[in-house]
């Protein structure tokens, strides 16, 4: 579980950086609403997973 949480944290930071890069058209990224929407959606997914892991429902499953 610890490795998975580390992976989520890393992926979350990557998504944030991708959003910044897309908006600023840096690091080879060109502004595209589709790319931006994908990065935002993935960030929301990661945050939802983290929220679930911290929830009482998940703790009862352990």
PDB file of N, CA and C in Angstrom:
ATOM      1  N   UNK A   1       0.825  -1.188   0.000  1.00  0.00           N
ATOM      2  CA  UNK A   1       0.000   0.000   0.000  1.00  0.00           C
ATOM      3  C   UNK A   1       0.873   1.257   0.000  1.00  0.00           C
ATOM      4  N   UNK A   2       1.959   1.194   0.740  1.00  0.00           N
ATOM      5  CA  UNK A   2       2.847   2.357   0.833  1.00  0.00           C
ATOM      6  C   UNK A   2       3.429   2.729  -0.531  1.00  0.00           C
ATOM      7  N   UNK A   3       3.817   1.716  -1.310  1.00  0.00           N
ATOM      8  CA  UNK A   3       4.354   1.982  -2.652  1.00  0.00           C
ATOM      9  C   UNK A   3       3.288   2.607  -3.548  1.00  0.00           C
ATOM     10  N   UNK A   4       2.051   2.143  -3.412  1.00  0.00           N
ATOM     11  CA  UNK A   4       0.957   2.682  -4.214  1.00  0.00           C
ATOM     12  C   UNK A   4       0.710   4.147  -3.865  1.00  0.00           C
ATOM     13  N   UNK A   5       0.744   4.471  -2.576  1.00  0.00           N
ATOM     14  CA  UNK A   5       0.553   5.854  -2.152  1.00  0.00           C
ATOM     15  C   UNK A   5       1.676   6.751  -2.671  1.00  0.00           C
ATOM     16  N   UNK A   6       2.895   6.233  -2.672  1.00  0.00           N
ATOM     17  CA  UNK A   6       4.021   6.993  -3.232  1.00  0.00           C
ATOM     18  C   UNK A   6       3.822   7.224  -4.726  1.00  0.00           C
ATOM     19  N   UNK A   7       3.341   6.195  -5.411  1.00  0.00           N
ATOM     20  CA  UNK A   7       3.069   6.313  -6.845  1.00  0.00           C
ATOM     21  C   UNK A   7       2.000   7.374  -7.098  1.00  0.00           C
ATOM     22  N   UNK A   8       0.931   7.364  -6.316  1.00  0.00           N
ATOM     23  CA  UNK A   8      -0.135   8.356  -6.466  1.00  0.00           C
ATOM     24  C   UNK A   8       0.395   9.770  -6.246  1.00  0.00           C
ATOM     25  N   UNK A   9       1.216   9.917  -5.225  1.00  0.00           N
ATOM     26  CA  UNK A   9       1.783  11.236  -4.922  1.00  0.00           C
ATOM     27  C   UNK A   9       2.625  11.734  -6.089  1.00  0.00           C
ATOM     28  N   UNK A  10       3.443  10.851  -6.645  1.00  0.00           N
ATOM     29  CA  UNK A  10       4.282  11.201  -7.788  1.00  0.00           C
ATOM     30  C   UNK A  10       3.437  11.543  -9.010  1.00  0.00           C
ATOM     31  N   UNK A  11       2.420  10.735  -9.269  1.00  0.00           N
ATOM     32  CA  UNK A  11       1.558  10.978 -10.423  1.00  0.00           C
ATOM     33  C   UNK A  11       0.780  12.283 -10.265  1.00  0.00           C
ATOM     34  N   UNK A  12       0.380  12.582  -9.048  1.00  0.00           N
ATOM     35  CA  UNK A  12      -0.343  13.829  -8.773  1.00  0.00           C
ATOM     36  C   UNK A  12       0.548  15.031  -9.087  1.00  0.00           C
ATOM     37  N   UNK A  13       1.795  14.978  -8.655  1.00  0.00           N
ATOM     38  CA  UNK A  13       2.730  16.072  -8.939  1.00  0.00           C
ATOM     39  C   UNK A  13       2.985  16.195 -10.437  1.00  0.00           C
ATOM     40  N   UNK A  14       3.095  15.059 -11.127  1.00  0.00           N
ATOM     41  CA  UNK A  14       3.283  15.080 -12.580  1.00  0.00           C
ATOM     42  C   UNK A  14       2.094  15.723 -13.280  1.00  0.00           C
ATOM     43  N   UNK A  15       0.889  15.404 -12.834  1.00  0.00           N
ATOM     44  CA  UNK A  15      -0.320  15.997 -13.424  1.00  0.00           C
ATOM     45  C   UNK A  15      -0.328  17.505 -13.232  1.00  0.00           C
ATOM     46  N   UNK A  16       0.017  17.935 -12.031  1.00  0.00           N
ATOM     47  CA  UNK A  16       0.057  19.375 -11.763  1.00  0.00           C
ATOM     48  C   UNK A  16       1.066  20.060 -12.687  1.00  0.00           C
ATOM     49  N   UNK A  17       2.229  19.436 -12.848  1.00  0.00           N
ATOM     50  CA  UNK A  17       3.252  20.021 -13.718  1.00  0.00           C
ATOM     51  C   UNK A  17       2.793  20.020 -15.170  1.00  0.00           C
ATOM     52  N   UNK A  18       2.117  18.965 -15.604  1.00  0.00           N
ATOM     53  CA  UNK A  18       1.601  18.917 -16.972  1.00  0.00           C
ATOM     54  C   UNK A  18       0.593  20.035 -17.208  1.00  0.00           C
ATOM     55  N   UNK A  19      -0.260  20.276 -16.236  1.00  0.00           N
ATOM     56  CA  UNK A  19      -1.244  21.356 -16.370  1.00  0.00           C
ATOM     57  C   UNK A  19      -0.527  22.695 -16.543  1.00  0.00           C
ATOM     58  N   UNK A  20       0.478  22.928 -15.724  1.00  0.00           N
ATOM     59  CA  UNK A  20       1.256  24.167 -15.832  1.00  0.00           C
ATOM     60  C   UNK A  20       1.939  24.250 -17.191  1.00  0.00           C
ATOM     61  N   UNK A  21       2.547  23.147 -17.622  1.00  0.00           N
ATOM     62  CA  UNK A  21       3.242  23.126 -18.913  1.00  0.00           C
ATOM     63  C   UNK A  21       2.287  23.362 -20.075  1.00  0.00           C
ATOM     64  N   UNK A  22       1.107  22.771 -20.004  1.00  0.00           N
ATOM     65  CA  UNK A  22       0.125  22.933 -21.084  1.00  0.00           C
ATOM     66  C   UNK A  22      -0.327  24.389 -21.160  1.00  0.00           C
ATOM     67  N   UNK A  23      -0.656  24.960 -20.009  1.00  0.00           N
ATOM     68  CA  UNK A  23      -1.131  26.346 -19.983  1.00  0.00           C
ATOM     69  C   UNK A  23      -0.042  27.305 -20.466  1.00  0.00           C
ATOM     70  N   UNK A  24       1.201  27.042 -20.070  1.00  0.00           N
ATOM     71  CA  UNK A  24       2.312  27.925 -20.439  1.00  0.00           C
ATOM     72  C   UNK A  24       3.007  27.516 -21.734  1.00  0.00           C
ATOM     73  N   UNK A  25       2.530  26.440 -22.354  1.00  0.00           N
ATOM     74  CA  UNK A  25       3.119  25.895 -23.580  1.00  0.00           C
ATOM     75  C   UNK A  25       4.631  25.691 -23.418  1.00  0.00           C
ATOM     76  N   UNK A  26       4.996  24.951 -22.367  1.00  0.00           N
ATOM     77  CA  UNK A  26       6.398  24.673 -22.076  1.00  0.00           C
ATOM     78  C   UNK A  26       6.680  23.181 -22.209  1.00  0.00           C
ATOM     79  N   UNK A  27       7.969  22.840 -22.218  1.00  0.00           N
ATOM     80  CA  UNK A  27       8.426  21.446 -22.239  1.00  0.00           C
ATOM     81  C   UNK A  27       7.799  20.629 -23.364  1.00  0.00           C
ATOM     82  N   UNK A  28       7.630  21.260 -24.507  1.00  0.00           N
ATOM     83  CA  UNK A  28       7.118  20.548 -25.673  1.00  0.00           C
ATOM     84  C   UNK A  28       5.610  20.412 -25.717  1.00  0.00           C
ATOM     85  N   UNK A  29       4.913  20.953 -24.732  1.00  0.00           N
ATOM     86  CA  UNK A  29       3.454  20.884 -24.723  1.00  0.00           C
ATOM     87  C   UNK A  29       2.882  22.083 -25.460  1.00  0.00           C
ATOM     88  N   UNK A  30       1.919  21.814 -26.319  1.00  0.00           N
ATOM     89  CA  UNK A  30       1.169  22.887 -26.969  1.00  0.00           C
ATOM     90  C   UNK A  30      -0.184  22.945 -26.293  1.00  0.00           C
ATOM     91  N   UNK A  31      -0.715  24.158 -26.204  1.00  0.00           N
ATOM     92  CA  UNK A  31      -2.004  24.282 -25.537  1.00  0.00           C
ATOM     93  C   UNK A  31      -3.063  23.529 -26.322  1.00  0.00           C
ATOM     94  N   UNK A  32      -3.756  22.678 -25.627  1.00  0.00           N
ATOM     95  CA  UNK A  32      -4.847  21.910 -26.213  1.00  0.00           C
ATOM     96  C   UNK A  32      -5.864  21.690 -25.104  1.00  0.00           C
ATOM     97  N   UNK A  33      -7.102  22.071 -25.367  1.00  0.00           N
ATOM     98  CA  UNK A  33      -8.121  21.897 -24.328  1.00  0.00           C
ATOM     99  C   UNK A  33      -8.310  20.422 -23.991  1.00  0.00           C
ATOM    100  N   UNK A  34      -8.101  19.544 -24.976  1.00  0.00           N
ATOM    101  CA  UNK A  34      -8.242  18.112 -24.725  1.00  0.00           C
ATOM    102  C   UNK A  34      -7.137  17.626 -23.776  1.00  0.00           C
ATOM    103  N   UNK A  35      -5.892  18.043 -24.024  1.00  0.00           N
ATOM    104  CA  UNK A  35      -4.791  17.663 -23.136  1.00  0.00           C
ATOM    105  C   UNK A  35      -5.009  18.220 -21.732  1.00  0.00           C
ATOM    106  N   UNK A  36      -5.449  19.461 -21.682  1.00  0.00           N
ATOM    107  CA  UNK A  36      -5.692  20.098 -20.393  1.00  0.00           C
ATOM    108  C   UNK A  36      -6.809  19.371 -19.643  1.00  0.00           C
ATOM    109  N   UNK A  37      -7.881  19.045 -20.330  1.00  0.00           N
ATOM    110  CA  UNK A  37      -9.000  18.348 -19.692  1.00  0.00           C
ATOM    111  C   UNK A  37      -8.578  16.969 -19.203  1.00  0.00           C
ATOM    112  N   UNK A  38      -7.757  16.262 -19.987  1.00  0.00           N
ATOM    113  CA  UNK A  38      -7.272  14.950 -19.575  1.00  0.00           C
ATOM    114  C   UNK A  38      -6.458  15.062 -18.284  1.00  0.00           C
ATOM    115  N   UNK A  39      -5.547  16.036 -18.228  1.00  0.00           N
ATOM    116  CA  UNK A  39      -4.704  16.207 -17.045  1.00  0.00           C
ATOM    117  C   UNK A  39      -5.544  16.582 -15.822  1.00  0.00           C
ATOM    118  N   UNK A  40      -6.520  17.452 -16.007  1.00  0.00           N
ATOM    119  CA  UNK A  40      -7.397  17.852 -14.902  1.00  0.00           C
ATOM    120  C   UNK A  40      -8.222  16.663 -14.417  1.00  0.00           C
ATOM    121  N   UNK A  41      -8.769  15.887 -15.349  1.00  0.00           N
ATOM    122  CA  UNK A  41      -9.565  14.714 -14.967  1.00  0.00           C
ATOM    123  C   UNK A  41      -8.728  13.701 -14.202  1.00  0.00           C
ATOM    124  N   UNK A  42      -7.497  13.470 -14.657  1.00  0.00           N
ATOM    125  CA  UNK A  42      -6.624  12.509 -13.970  1.00  0.00           C
ATOM    126  C   UNK A  42      -6.289  13.009 -12.572  1.00  0.00           C
ATOM    127  N   UNK A  43      -6.054  14.302 -12.437  1.00  0.00           N
ATOM    128  CA  UNK A  43      -5.779  14.878 -11.128  1.00  0.00           C
ATOM    129  C   UNK A  43      -6.976  14.680 -10.195  1.00  0.00           C
ATOM    130  N   UNK A  44      -8.171  14.879 -10.706  1.00  0.00           N
ATOM    131  CA  UNK A  44      -9.388  14.667  -9.910  1.00  0.00           C
ATOM    132  C   UNK A  44      -9.530  13.202  -9.508  1.00  0.00           C
ATOM    133  N   UNK A  45      -9.195  12.283 -10.420  1.00  0.00           N
ATOM    134  CA  UNK A  45      -9.258  10.853 -10.111  1.00  0.00           C
ATOM    135  C   UNK A  45      -8.305  10.505  -8.970  1.00  0.00           C
ATOM    136  N   UNK A  46      -7.092  11.017  -9.055  1.00  0.00           N
ATOM    137  CA  UNK A  46      -6.089  10.741  -8.023  1.00  0.00           C
ATOM    138  C   UNK A  46      -6.556  11.279  -6.679  1.00  0.00           C
ATOM    139  N   UNK A  47      -7.091  12.490  -6.678  1.00  0.00           N
ATOM    140  CA  UNK A  47      -7.579  13.079  -5.433  1.00  0.00           C
ATOM    141  C   UNK A  47      -8.743  12.275  -4.861  1.00  0.00           C
ATOM    142  N   UNK A  48      -9.610  11.746  -5.715  1.00  0.00           N
ATOM    143  CA  UNK A  48     -10.729  10.918  -5.254  1.00  0.00           C
ATOM    144  C   UNK A  48     -10.215   9.612  -4.648  1.00  0.00           C
ATOM    145  N   UNK A  49      -9.199   9.020  -5.261  1.00  0.00           N
ATOM    146  CA  UNK A  49      -8.608   7.786  -4.727  1.00  0.00           C
ATOM    147  C   UNK A  49      -7.993   8.064  -3.359  1.00  0.00           C
ATOM    148  N   UNK A  50      -7.240   9.152  -3.251  1.00  0.00           N
ATOM    149  CA  UNK A  50      -6.623   9.509  -1.970  1.00  0.00           C
ATOM    150  C   UNK A  50      -7.688   9.742  -0.896  1.00  0.00           C
ATOM    151  N   UNK A  51      -8.756  10.411  -1.273  1.00  0.00           N
ATOM    152  CA  UNK A  51      -9.847  10.681  -0.339  1.00  0.00           C
ATOM    153  C   UNK A  51     -10.487   9.371   0.133  1.00  0.00           C
ATOM    154  N   UNK A  52     -10.685   8.435  -0.789  1.00  0.00           N
ATOM    155  CA  UNK A  52     -11.268   7.145  -0.422  1.00  0.00           C
ATOM    156  C   UNK A  52     -10.345   6.373   0.512  1.00  0.00           C
ATOM    157  N   UNK A  53      -9.051   6.389   0.232  1.00  0.00           N
ATOM    158  CA  UNK A  53      -8.091   5.664   1.067  1.00  0.00           C
ATOM    159  C   UNK A  53      -8.107   6.199   2.499  1.00  0.00           C
ATOM    160  N   UNK A  54      -8.360   7.488   2.649  1.00  0.00           N
ATOM    161  CA  UNK A  54      -8.404   8.097   3.978  1.00  0.00           C
ATOM    162  C   UNK A  54      -9.770   7.947   4.654  1.00  0.00           C
ATOM    163  N   UNK A  55     -10.767   7.444   3.932  1.00  0.00           N
ATOM    164  CA  UNK A  55     -12.130   7.361   4.464  1.00  0.00           C
ATOM    165  C   UNK A  55     -12.307   6.199   5.442  1.00  0.00           C
ATOM    166  N   UNK A  56     -13.354   6.303   6.233  1.00  0.00           N
ATOM    167  CA  UNK A  56     -13.704   5.238   7.177  1.00  0.00           C
ATOM    168  C   UNK A  56     -14.096   3.958   6.438  1.00  0.00           C
ATOM    169  N   UNK A  57     -14.742   4.102   5.284  1.00  0.00           N
ATOM    170  CA  UNK A  57     -15.142   2.923   4.502  1.00  0.00           C
ATOM    171  C   UNK A  57     -13.930   2.082   4.129  1.00  0.00           C
ATOM    172  N   UNK A  58     -12.873   2.734   3.700  1.00  0.00           N
ATOM    173  CA  UNK A  58     -11.666   2.001   3.316  1.00  0.00           C
ATOM    174  C   UNK A  58     -11.016   1.372   4.542  1.00  0.00           C
ATOM    175  N   UNK A  59     -10.988   2.103   5.629  1.00  0.00           N
ATOM    176  CA  UNK A  59     -10.378   1.576   6.858  1.00  0.00           C
ATOM    177  C   UNK A  59     -11.100   0.318   7.336  1.00  0.00           C
ATOM    178  N   UNK A  60     -12.420   0.253   7.116  1.00  0.00           N
ATOM    179  CA  UNK A  60     -13.175  -0.941   7.511  1.00  0.00           C
ATOM    180  C   UNK A  60     -12.838  -2.127   6.613  1.00  0.00           C
ATOM    181  N   UNK A  61     -12.415  -1.870   5.386  1.00  0.00           N
ATOM    182  CA  UNK A  61     -12.070  -2.954   4.466  1.00  0.00           C
ATOM    183  C   UNK A  61     -10.744  -3.616   4.818  1.00  0.00           C
ATOM    184  N   UNK A  62      -9.889  -2.882   5.494  1.00  0.00           N
ATOM    185  CA  UNK A  62      -8.558  -3.415   5.804  1.00  0.00           C
ATOM    186  C   UNK A  62      -8.624  -4.619   6.682  1.00  0.00           C
TER     187      UNK A  62
END
